[in-house]
Amino acid sequence: MSDPRLSATARAGGISPLVPSAVPARPQAPASADAPRFADALGEQLGVRFSAHATARLQSRGVSLDATQLARLGGGIDAAAAKGSREALVMVDQVAMVVAVRNRTVVTALDQDQTGPAVFTNIDTAVIT
């Protein structure tokens, strides 16, 4: 039989390990049952997904992409992937989008009407379509 004074709890001064508490779930905004999400509608074509942040940026600026622009975006992502890119800046007309190439997800977006200079970091490729 082992000596209880040599247990991990005894060596730690009688302090027992903490039991992790459950983290409360982040409240979600109620979604309309009959309206598809903006990102879902855009992402259905060409296997391109839009993050919640990118979707909010596009919506707040009133930017929408038509089927031709989505096709060019998909082509730009394909071109970046062919070169081994991980994070790319893809320009489609007046809209700049930072894309996670591996999972084909638009991370953020802004249009040319943005005031001031635009600085993009953490990208390894730029594609102008």
N, C-alpha and C. Protein backbone atom coordinates (compact mmCIF):
# COMPACT_ATOMS: atom_id res chain seq x y z
N MET A 1 0.84 -1.17 0.00
CA MET A 1 0.00 0.00 0.00
C MET A 1 0.88 1.24 0.00
N SER A 2 0.49 2.26 -0.78
CA SER A 2 1.32 3.45 -0.90
C SER A 2 0.99 4.44 0.21
N ASP A 3 1.93 5.25 0.50
CA ASP A 3 1.80 6.27 1.53
C ASP A 3 0.99 7.44 0.97
N PRO A 4 -0.16 7.86 1.59
CA PRO A 4 -0.98 8.96 1.08
C PRO A 4 -0.23 10.28 1.07
N ARG A 5 0.84 10.38 1.85
CA ARG A 5 1.60 11.63 1.86
C ARG A 5 2.37 11.83 0.57
N LEU A 6 2.51 10.78 -0.23
CA LEU A 6 3.25 10.87 -1.49
C LEU A 6 2.34 11.07 -2.70
N SER A 7 1.06 11.22 -2.48
CA SER A 7 0.15 11.42 -3.60
C SER A 7 0.37 12.80 -4.22
N ALA A 8 -0.08 12.97 -5.45
CA ALA A 8 0.08 14.25 -6.15
C ALA A 8 -0.63 15.37 -5.41
N THR A 9 -1.77 15.07 -4.83
CA THR A 9 -2.53 16.09 -4.09
C THR A 9 -1.77 16.51 -2.85
N ALA A 10 -1.17 15.55 -2.13
CA ALA A 10 -0.43 15.87 -0.92
C ALA A 10 0.82 16.67 -1.26
N ARG A 11 1.50 16.32 -2.34
CA ARG A 11 2.72 17.05 -2.72
C ARG A 11 2.40 18.48 -3.15
N ALA A 12 1.19 18.73 -3.63
CA ALA A 12 0.79 20.07 -4.06
C ALA A 12 0.23 20.87 -2.90
N GLY A 13 0.43 20.42 -1.68
CA GLY A 13 -0.03 21.16 -0.52
C GLY A 13 -1.49 20.94 -0.22
N GLY A 14 -2.04 19.80 -0.63
CA GLY A 14 -3.42 19.49 -0.35
C GLY A 14 -4.40 20.13 -1.31
N ILE A 15 -3.87 20.73 -2.37
CA ILE A 15 -4.74 21.36 -3.35
C ILE A 15 -5.11 20.32 -4.39
N SER A 16 -6.38 20.12 -4.59
CA SER A 16 -6.81 19.15 -5.59
C SER A 16 -6.94 19.85 -6.94
N PRO A 17 -6.82 19.10 -8.01
CA PRO A 17 -6.90 19.72 -9.34
C PRO A 17 -8.28 20.33 -9.60
N LEU A 18 -8.27 21.38 -10.40
CA LEU A 18 -9.51 22.05 -10.75
C LEU A 18 -10.30 21.22 -11.75
N VAL A 19 -11.58 21.26 -11.60
CA VAL A 19 -12.47 20.62 -12.55
C VAL A 19 -12.87 21.69 -13.55
N PRO A 20 -12.61 21.45 -14.85
CA PRO A 20 -12.96 22.51 -15.81
C PRO A 20 -14.47 22.76 -15.82
N SER A 21 -14.80 24.04 -15.85
CA SER A 21 -16.22 24.40 -15.88
C SER A 21 -16.66 24.52 -17.33
N ALA A 22 -17.92 24.36 -17.54
CA ALA A 22 -18.47 24.46 -18.89
C ALA A 22 -18.48 25.92 -19.31
N VAL A 23 -18.03 26.18 -20.52
CA VAL A 23 -18.03 27.52 -21.05
C VAL A 23 -19.39 27.78 -21.67
N PRO A 24 -20.04 28.86 -21.28
CA PRO A 24 -21.37 29.12 -21.84
C PRO A 24 -21.26 29.37 -23.34
N ALA A 25 -22.23 28.88 -24.07
CA ALA A 25 -22.24 29.04 -25.52
C ALA A 25 -22.52 30.49 -25.87
N ARG A 26 -21.90 30.94 -26.95
CA ARG A 26 -22.11 32.29 -27.42
C ARG A 26 -23.50 32.39 -28.02
N PRO A 27 -24.28 33.39 -27.63
CA PRO A 27 -25.64 33.49 -28.19
C PRO A 27 -25.58 33.76 -29.69
N GLN A 28 -26.44 33.10 -30.41
CA GLN A 28 -26.52 33.27 -31.86
C GLN A 28 -27.70 34.17 -32.20
N ALA A 29 -27.50 34.97 -33.23
CA ALA A 29 -28.59 35.83 -33.69
C ALA A 29 -29.65 34.94 -34.31
N PRO A 30 -30.90 35.23 -34.04
CA PRO A 30 -31.95 34.41 -34.64
C PRO A 30 -31.94 34.57 -36.16
N ALA A 31 -31.99 33.43 -36.84
CA ALA A 31 -32.00 33.45 -38.30
C ALA A 31 -33.42 33.28 -38.80
N SER A 32 -33.70 33.95 -39.86
CA SER A 32 -35.02 33.81 -40.47
C SER A 32 -35.09 32.43 -41.12
N ALA A 33 -36.14 31.71 -40.87
CA ALA A 33 -36.26 30.33 -41.36
C ALA A 33 -36.42 30.28 -42.88
N ASP A 34 -37.01 31.29 -43.48
CA ASP A 34 -37.25 31.21 -44.92
C ASP A 34 -36.19 31.90 -45.77
N ALA A 35 -35.31 32.69 -45.19
CA ALA A 35 -34.29 33.39 -45.95
C ALA A 35 -32.93 32.71 -45.79
N PRO A 36 -32.28 32.34 -46.90
CA PRO A 36 -30.95 31.74 -46.79
C PRO A 36 -29.94 32.80 -46.38
N ARG A 37 -28.90 32.38 -45.70
CA ARG A 37 -27.85 33.31 -45.33
C ARG A 37 -27.16 33.83 -46.57
N PHE A 38 -26.70 35.06 -46.51
CA PHE A 38 -26.02 35.69 -47.64
C PHE A 38 -24.80 34.88 -48.06
N ALA A 39 -23.99 34.47 -47.09
CA ALA A 39 -22.78 33.70 -47.40
C ALA A 39 -23.12 32.36 -48.01
N ASP A 40 -24.18 31.72 -47.54
CA ASP A 40 -24.58 30.43 -48.10
C ASP A 40 -24.98 30.57 -49.56
N ALA A 41 -25.74 31.63 -49.85
CA ALA A 41 -26.18 31.84 -51.22
C ALA A 41 -25.00 32.07 -52.15
N LEU A 42 -24.02 32.85 -51.68
CA LEU A 42 -22.84 33.09 -52.50
C LEU A 42 -21.95 31.85 -52.60
N GLY A 43 -21.82 31.14 -51.51
CA GLY A 43 -20.89 30.03 -51.45
C GLY A 43 -21.35 28.78 -52.17
N GLU A 44 -22.62 28.68 -52.50
CA GLU A 44 -23.10 27.49 -53.19
C GLU A 44 -22.46 27.34 -54.55
N GLN A 45 -22.13 28.44 -55.17
CA GLN A 45 -21.51 28.39 -56.49
C GLN A 45 -20.00 28.24 -56.35
N LEU A 46 -19.43 27.37 -57.13
CA LEU A 46 -17.98 27.21 -57.26
C LEU A 46 -17.27 26.74 -56.00
N GLY A 47 -17.97 26.32 -54.99
CA GLY A 47 -17.32 25.80 -53.79
C GLY A 47 -16.57 26.86 -53.00
N VAL A 48 -16.95 28.11 -53.12
CA VAL A 48 -16.31 29.20 -52.37
C VAL A 48 -17.19 29.53 -51.18
N ARG A 49 -16.58 29.59 -49.99
CA ARG A 49 -17.32 29.95 -48.79
C ARG A 49 -16.92 31.35 -48.36
N PHE A 50 -17.79 32.00 -47.62
CA PHE A 50 -17.52 33.34 -47.10
C PHE A 50 -17.64 33.28 -45.59
N SER A 51 -16.62 33.78 -44.89
CA SER A 51 -16.67 33.82 -43.43
C SER A 51 -17.74 34.82 -43.00
N ALA A 52 -18.13 34.73 -41.74
CA ALA A 52 -19.13 35.67 -41.21
C ALA A 52 -18.62 37.10 -41.31
N HIS A 53 -17.32 37.29 -41.07
CA HIS A 53 -16.73 38.63 -41.14
C HIS A 53 -16.79 39.16 -42.57
N ALA A 54 -16.39 38.33 -43.54
CA ALA A 54 -16.42 38.77 -44.94
C ALA A 54 -17.84 39.07 -45.38
N THR A 55 -18.78 38.23 -44.96
CA THR A 55 -20.18 38.45 -45.31
C THR A 55 -20.67 39.78 -44.75
N ALA A 56 -20.34 40.06 -43.50
CA ALA A 56 -20.76 41.32 -42.88
C ALA A 56 -20.13 42.50 -43.61
N ARG A 57 -18.85 42.39 -43.98
CA ARG A 57 -18.19 43.48 -44.69
C ARG A 57 -18.84 43.74 -46.04
N LEU A 58 -19.13 42.68 -46.79
CA LEU A 58 -19.76 42.84 -48.10
C LEU A 58 -21.16 43.44 -47.96
N GLN A 59 -21.93 42.95 -47.01
CA GLN A 59 -23.28 43.47 -46.81
C GLN A 59 -23.27 44.93 -46.38
N SER A 60 -22.39 45.28 -45.46
CA SER A 60 -22.36 46.66 -44.95
C SER A 60 -21.96 47.65 -46.02
N ARG A 61 -21.20 47.20 -47.01
CA ARG A 61 -20.78 48.09 -48.09
C ARG A 61 -21.68 47.97 -49.32
N GLY A 62 -22.70 47.14 -49.23
CA GLY A 62 -23.62 47.00 -50.35
C GLY A 62 -23.00 46.34 -51.57
N VAL A 63 -22.01 45.48 -51.34
CA VAL A 63 -21.32 44.81 -52.45
C VAL A 63 -21.94 43.44 -52.66
N SER A 64 -22.31 43.16 -53.90
CA SER A 64 -22.77 41.82 -54.23
C SER A 64 -22.01 41.35 -55.45
N LEU A 65 -21.78 40.06 -55.51
CA LEU A 65 -21.03 39.48 -56.62
C LEU A 65 -21.98 38.69 -57.50
N ASP A 66 -21.89 38.91 -58.81
CA ASP A 66 -22.73 38.15 -59.72
C ASP A 66 -22.03 36.84 -60.09
N ALA A 67 -22.69 36.03 -60.91
CA ALA A 67 -22.16 34.71 -61.26
C ALA A 67 -20.81 34.81 -61.98
N THR A 68 -20.64 35.81 -62.82
CA THR A 68 -19.38 36.00 -63.54
C THR A 68 -18.25 36.34 -62.57
N GLN A 69 -18.54 37.23 -61.64
CA GLN A 69 -17.52 37.61 -60.65
C GLN A 69 -17.18 36.43 -59.75
N LEU A 70 -18.18 35.64 -59.35
CA LEU A 70 -17.90 34.45 -58.54
C LEU A 70 -17.04 33.46 -59.30
N ALA A 71 -17.30 33.33 -60.61
CA ALA A 71 -16.48 32.43 -61.43
C ALA A 71 -15.03 32.93 -61.49
N ARG A 72 -14.85 34.24 -61.60
CA ARG A 72 -13.50 34.81 -61.61
C ARG A 72 -12.83 34.64 -60.25
N LEU A 73 -13.59 34.78 -59.18
CA LEU A 73 -13.04 34.54 -57.84
C LEU A 73 -12.59 33.09 -57.72
N GLY A 74 -13.43 32.16 -58.15
CA GLY A 74 -13.05 30.74 -58.11
C GLY A 74 -11.81 30.46 -58.94
N GLY A 75 -11.72 31.08 -60.13
CA GLY A 75 -10.54 30.93 -60.96
C GLY A 75 -9.29 31.50 -60.30
N GLY A 76 -9.45 32.63 -59.62
CA GLY A 76 -8.32 33.23 -58.90
C GLY A 76 -7.85 32.33 -57.76
N ILE A 77 -8.79 31.72 -57.06
CA ILE A 77 -8.43 30.79 -55.98
C ILE A 77 -7.72 29.57 -56.56
N ASP A 78 -8.22 29.06 -57.70
CA ASP A 78 -7.56 27.93 -58.36
C ASP A 78 -6.14 28.28 -58.77
N ALA A 79 -5.95 29.48 -59.32
CA ALA A 79 -4.61 29.91 -59.74
C ALA A 79 -3.67 30.02 -58.55
N ALA A 80 -4.17 30.57 -57.43
CA ALA A 80 -3.34 30.68 -56.23
C ALA A 80 -2.99 29.29 -55.68
N ALA A 81 -3.96 28.38 -55.70
CA ALA A 81 -3.71 27.02 -55.21
C ALA A 81 -2.68 26.31 -56.07
N ALA A 82 -2.72 26.54 -57.39
CA ALA A 82 -1.76 25.91 -58.29
C ALA A 82 -0.33 26.35 -58.00
N LYS A 83 -0.17 27.54 -57.45
CA LYS A 83 1.16 28.05 -57.09
C LYS A 83 1.55 27.72 -55.66
N GLY A 84 0.69 26.99 -54.95
CA GLY A 84 1.01 26.59 -53.57
C GLY A 84 0.70 27.63 -52.53
N SER A 85 -0.17 28.56 -52.84
CA SER A 85 -0.51 29.63 -51.91
C SER A 85 -1.33 29.11 -50.74
N ARG A 86 -1.19 29.79 -49.62
CA ARG A 86 -2.00 29.49 -48.43
C ARG A 86 -3.03 30.59 -48.20
N GLU A 87 -2.58 31.83 -48.24
CA GLU A 87 -3.44 33.00 -48.04
C GLU A 87 -3.21 33.93 -49.22
N ALA A 88 -4.27 34.26 -49.95
CA ALA A 88 -4.12 35.08 -51.15
C ALA A 88 -5.04 36.28 -51.10
N LEU A 89 -4.58 37.34 -51.74
CA LEU A 89 -5.42 38.51 -51.99
C LEU A 89 -5.92 38.35 -53.42
N VAL A 90 -7.23 38.24 -53.59
CA VAL A 90 -7.82 38.08 -54.92
C VAL A 90 -8.63 39.34 -55.21
N MET A 91 -8.27 40.01 -56.31
CA MET A 91 -8.97 41.22 -56.74
C MET A 91 -9.95 40.84 -57.84
N VAL A 92 -11.22 41.15 -57.63
CA VAL A 92 -12.25 40.95 -58.63
C VAL A 92 -12.91 42.31 -58.83
N ASP A 93 -12.70 42.90 -60.02
CA ASP A 93 -13.18 44.25 -60.31
C ASP A 93 -12.71 45.21 -59.22
N GLN A 94 -13.62 45.82 -58.50
CA GLN A 94 -13.26 46.80 -57.48
C GLN A 94 -13.25 46.22 -56.06
N VAL A 95 -13.31 44.90 -55.94
CA VAL A 95 -13.40 44.26 -54.63
C VAL A 95 -12.13 43.44 -54.37
N ALA A 96 -11.50 43.69 -53.21
CA ALA A 96 -10.33 42.93 -52.79
C ALA A 96 -10.77 41.95 -51.71
N MET A 97 -10.38 40.68 -51.88
CA MET A 97 -10.77 39.65 -50.92
C MET A 97 -9.54 38.86 -50.49
N VAL A 98 -9.39 38.69 -49.17
CA VAL A 98 -8.34 37.83 -48.64
C VAL A 98 -8.95 36.45 -48.48
N VAL A 99 -8.29 35.44 -49.08
CA VAL A 99 -8.86 34.10 -49.15
C VAL A 99 -7.92 33.10 -48.51
N ALA A 100 -8.48 32.23 -47.66
CA ALA A 100 -7.76 31.05 -47.17
C ALA A 100 -7.88 30.02 -48.29
N VAL A 101 -6.79 29.81 -49.02
CA VAL A 101 -6.84 29.04 -50.26
C VAL A 101 -7.17 27.57 -50.00
N ARG A 102 -6.59 26.99 -48.98
CA ARG A 102 -6.78 25.55 -48.72
C ARG A 102 -8.24 25.17 -48.54
N ASN A 103 -9.00 25.99 -47.82
CA ASN A 103 -10.42 25.65 -47.62
C ASN A 103 -11.35 26.54 -48.42
N ARG A 104 -10.78 27.32 -49.37
CA ARG A 104 -11.56 28.14 -50.31
C ARG A 104 -12.55 29.05 -49.57
N THR A 105 -12.06 29.73 -48.53
CA THR A 105 -12.91 30.60 -47.72
C THR A 105 -12.43 32.05 -47.82
N VAL A 106 -13.33 32.95 -48.18
CA VAL A 106 -13.03 34.37 -48.18
C VAL A 106 -13.05 34.83 -46.72
N VAL A 107 -11.93 35.35 -46.26
CA VAL A 107 -11.78 35.72 -44.86
C VAL A 107 -12.24 37.15 -44.61
N THR A 108 -11.89 38.06 -45.50
CA THR A 108 -12.33 39.43 -45.38
C THR A 108 -12.40 40.04 -46.77
N ALA A 109 -13.13 41.12 -46.88
CA ALA A 109 -13.31 41.77 -48.18
C ALA A 109 -13.51 43.26 -48.01
N LEU A 110 -13.06 44.02 -49.01
CA LEU A 110 -13.34 45.44 -49.02
C LEU A 110 -13.37 45.93 -50.45
N ASP A 111 -14.12 46.98 -50.67
CA ASP A 111 -14.20 47.53 -52.02
C ASP A 111 -13.28 48.73 -52.15
N GLN A 112 -13.14 49.21 -53.38
CA GLN A 112 -12.20 50.30 -53.64
C GLN A 112 -12.65 51.61 -53.04
N ASP A 113 -13.90 51.72 -52.65
CA ASP A 113 -14.41 52.95 -52.06
C ASP A 113 -13.92 53.16 -50.63
N GLN A 114 -13.17 52.20 -50.10
CA GLN A 114 -12.59 52.30 -48.76
C GLN A 114 -11.72 53.54 -48.70
N THR A 115 -11.91 54.38 -47.68
CA THR A 115 -11.11 55.59 -47.56
C THR A 115 -9.75 55.26 -46.98
N GLY A 116 -8.75 55.95 -47.46
CA GLY A 116 -7.39 55.75 -46.96
C GLY A 116 -6.72 54.55 -47.61
N PRO A 117 -5.46 54.35 -47.28
CA PRO A 117 -4.71 53.25 -47.88
C PRO A 117 -5.17 51.90 -47.31
N ALA A 118 -5.07 50.88 -48.13
CA ALA A 118 -5.41 49.53 -47.70
C ALA A 118 -4.12 48.73 -47.61
N VAL A 119 -3.84 48.18 -46.45
CA VAL A 119 -2.64 47.38 -46.24
C VAL A 119 -3.09 45.96 -45.93
N PHE A 120 -2.59 45.00 -46.71
CA PHE A 120 -2.93 43.60 -46.51
C PHE A 120 -1.71 42.88 -45.97
N THR A 121 -1.89 42.18 -44.86
CA THR A 121 -0.79 41.43 -44.26
C THR A 121 -1.13 39.95 -44.26
N ASN A 122 -0.12 39.15 -44.02
CA ASN A 122 -0.27 37.69 -43.92
C ASN A 122 -0.82 37.07 -45.19
N ILE A 123 -0.42 37.60 -46.33
CA ILE A 123 -0.78 36.96 -47.59
C ILE A 123 0.52 36.56 -48.28
N ASP A 124 0.46 35.49 -49.08
CA ASP A 124 1.65 35.09 -49.81
C ASP A 124 1.47 35.17 -51.32
N THR A 125 0.28 35.56 -51.76
CA THR A 125 0.00 35.63 -53.19
C THR A 125 -1.03 36.72 -53.44
N ALA A 126 -0.90 37.39 -54.58
CA ALA A 126 -1.91 38.34 -55.02
C ALA A 126 -2.35 37.93 -56.42
N VAL A 127 -3.66 37.85 -56.62
CA VAL A 127 -4.23 37.46 -57.91
C VAL A 127 -5.18 38.58 -58.35
N ILE A 128 -4.97 39.08 -59.55
CA ILE A 128 -5.85 40.10 -60.09
C ILE A 128 -6.61 39.46 -61.24
N THR A 129 -7.94 39.38 -61.11
CA THR A 129 -8.74 38.72 -62.15
C THR A 129 -9.48 39.72 -62.99
